[in-house]
């Protein structure tokens, strides 16, 4: 496997991890909000979705920082 194929594979893994990270944080927060709404009869699910999006962006930023930190030109 040459260096270009290795870089493409690393980028593909990064993009996949970013997508999964966003989906998991949003759906997990949405599920928690739904359960709270169902149990207490409130309308907090929208706020939990917003919280999930914010947590997703934070998690993606951490993943990207780790990727950039580990990718210092070495193969």
C-alpha atoms as a PDB file:
ATOM      1  CA  UNK A   1       0.000   0.000   0.000  1.00  0.00           C
ATOM      2  CA  UNK A   2       1.561   3.285  -1.045  1.00  0.00           C
ATOM      3  CA  UNK A   3       1.458   6.552   0.878  1.00  0.00           C
ATOM      4  CA  UNK A   4      -1.448   8.062  -1.131  1.00  0.00           C
ATOM      5  CA  UNK A   5      -3.661   5.052  -0.504  1.00  0.00           C
ATOM      6  CA  UNK A   6      -2.751   5.168   3.187  1.00  0.00           C
ATOM      7  CA  UNK A   7      -3.716   8.859   3.408  1.00  0.00           C
ATOM      8  CA  UNK A   8      -7.024   8.267   1.608  1.00  0.00           C
ATOM      9  CA  UNK A   9      -7.830   5.405   3.974  1.00  0.00           C
ATOM     10  CA  UNK A  10      -7.032   7.551   7.021  1.00  0.00           C
ATOM     11  CA  UNK A  11      -9.289  10.342   5.732  1.00  0.00           C
ATOM     12  CA  UNK A  12     -12.090   7.863   5.063  1.00  0.00           C
ATOM     13  CA  UNK A  13     -11.830   6.575   8.628  1.00  0.00           C
ATOM     14  CA  UNK A  14     -11.874  10.148   9.955  1.00  0.00           C
ATOM     15  CA  UNK A  15     -14.989  11.086   7.966  1.00  0.00           C
ATOM     16  CA  UNK A  16     -16.743   7.917   9.094  1.00  0.00           C
ATOM     17  CA  UNK A  17     -15.849   8.558  12.723  1.00  0.00           C
ATOM     18  CA  UNK A  18     -17.110  12.151  12.501  1.00  0.00           C
ATOM     19  CA  UNK A  19     -20.469  11.018  11.099  1.00  0.00           C
ATOM     20  CA  UNK A  20     -20.933   8.282  13.691  1.00  0.00           C
ATOM     21  CA  UNK A  21     -19.938  10.635  16.506  1.00  0.00           C
ATOM     22  CA  UNK A  22     -22.507  13.235  15.461  1.00  0.00           C
ATOM     23  CA  UNK A  23     -25.298  10.688  15.054  1.00  0.00           C
ATOM     24  CA  UNK A  24     -24.664   8.954  18.365  1.00  0.00           C
ATOM     25  CA  UNK A  25     -24.547  12.165  20.420  1.00  0.00           C
ATOM     26  CA  UNK A  26     -27.675  13.629  18.817  1.00  0.00           C
ATOM     27  CA  UNK A  27     -29.765  10.442  19.044  1.00  0.00           C
ATOM     28  CA  UNK A  28     -28.598   9.692  22.578  1.00  0.00           C
ATOM     29  CA  UNK A  29     -29.563  13.180  23.742  1.00  0.00           C
ATOM     30  CA  UNK A  30     -32.845  12.989  21.851  1.00  0.00           C
ATOM     31  CA  UNK A  31     -33.630   9.648  23.532  1.00  0.00           C
ATOM     32  CA  UNK A  32     -32.908  11.061  26.977  1.00  0.00           C
ATOM     33  CA  UNK A  33     -35.109  14.071  26.223  1.00  0.00           C
ATOM     34  CA  UNK A  34     -37.896  11.802  25.010  1.00  0.00           C
ATOM     35  CA  UNK A  35     -37.752   9.691  28.159  1.00  0.00           C
ATOM     36  CA  UNK A  36     -37.846  12.784  30.369  1.00  0.00           C
ATOM     37  CA  UNK A  37     -40.798  14.146  28.382  1.00  0.00           C
ATOM     38  CA  UNK A  38     -42.641  10.851  28.640  1.00  0.00           C
ATOM     39  CA  UNK A  39     -41.985  10.407  32.362  1.00  0.00           C
ATOM     40  CA  UNK A  40     -42.611  13.993  33.529  1.00  0.00           C
ATOM     41  CA  UNK A  41     -44.929  15.240  30.771  1.00  0.00           C
ATOM     42  CA  UNK A  42     -42.658  18.156  29.874  1.00  0.00           C
ATOM     43  CA  UNK A  43     -41.398  19.553  26.554  1.00  0.00           C
ATOM     44  CA  UNK A  44     -37.619  19.325  27.028  1.00  0.00           C
ATOM     45  CA  UNK A  45     -36.832  17.153  24.011  1.00  0.00           C
ATOM     46  CA  UNK A  46     -36.041  20.150  21.783  1.00  0.00           C
ATOM     47  CA  UNK A  47     -33.505  21.405  24.319  1.00  0.00           C
ATOM     48  CA  UNK A  48     -31.916  17.991  24.532  1.00  0.00           C
ATOM     49  CA  UNK A  49     -31.609  17.868  20.730  1.00  0.00           C
ATOM     50  CA  UNK A  50     -29.817  21.233  20.826  1.00  0.00           C
ATOM     51  CA  UNK A  51     -27.631  19.900  23.631  1.00  0.00           C
ATOM     52  CA  UNK A  52     -26.874  16.811  21.526  1.00  0.00           C
ATOM     53  CA  UNK A  53     -25.851  18.923  18.534  1.00  0.00           C
ATOM     54  CA  UNK A  54     -23.542  21.000  20.730  1.00  0.00           C
ATOM     55  CA  UNK A  55     -22.055  17.861  22.286  1.00  0.00           C
ATOM     56  CA  UNK A  56     -21.620  16.396  18.804  1.00  0.00           C
ATOM     57  CA  UNK A  57     -19.679  19.422  17.589  1.00  0.00           C
ATOM     58  CA  UNK A  58     -17.504  19.309  20.691  1.00  0.00           C
ATOM     59  CA  UNK A  59     -16.813  15.611  20.195  1.00  0.00           C
ATOM     60  CA  UNK A  60     -15.992  16.132  16.525  1.00  0.00           C
ATOM     61  CA  UNK A  61     -13.576  18.924  17.461  1.00  0.00           C
ATOM     62  CA  UNK A  62     -11.829  16.570  19.896  1.00  0.00           C
ATOM     63  CA  UNK A  63     -11.611  13.820  17.267  1.00  0.00           C
ATOM     64  CA  UNK A  64     -10.138  16.225  14.713  1.00  0.00           C
ATOM     65  CA  UNK A  65      -7.617  17.621  17.226  1.00  0.00           C
ATOM     66  CA  UNK A  66      -6.481  14.091  18.066  1.00  0.00           C
ATOM     67  CA  UNK A  67      -6.215  13.241  14.374  1.00  0.00           C
ATOM     68  CA  UNK A  68      -4.163  16.337  13.599  1.00  0.00           C
ATOM     69  CA  UNK A  69      -1.992  15.766  16.663  1.00  0.00           C
ATOM     70  CA  UNK A  70      -1.262  12.172  15.676  1.00  0.00           C
ATOM     71  CA  UNK A  71      -0.770  13.020  12.006  1.00  0.00           C
ATOM     72  CA  UNK A  72       2.469  14.962  12.144  1.00  0.00           C
ATOM     73  CA  UNK A  73       3.790  13.791   8.801  1.00  0.00           C
ATOM     74  CA  UNK A  74       4.653  10.239   9.837  1.00  0.00           C
ATOM     75  CA  UNK A  75       3.186   7.248   8.023  1.00  0.00           C
END
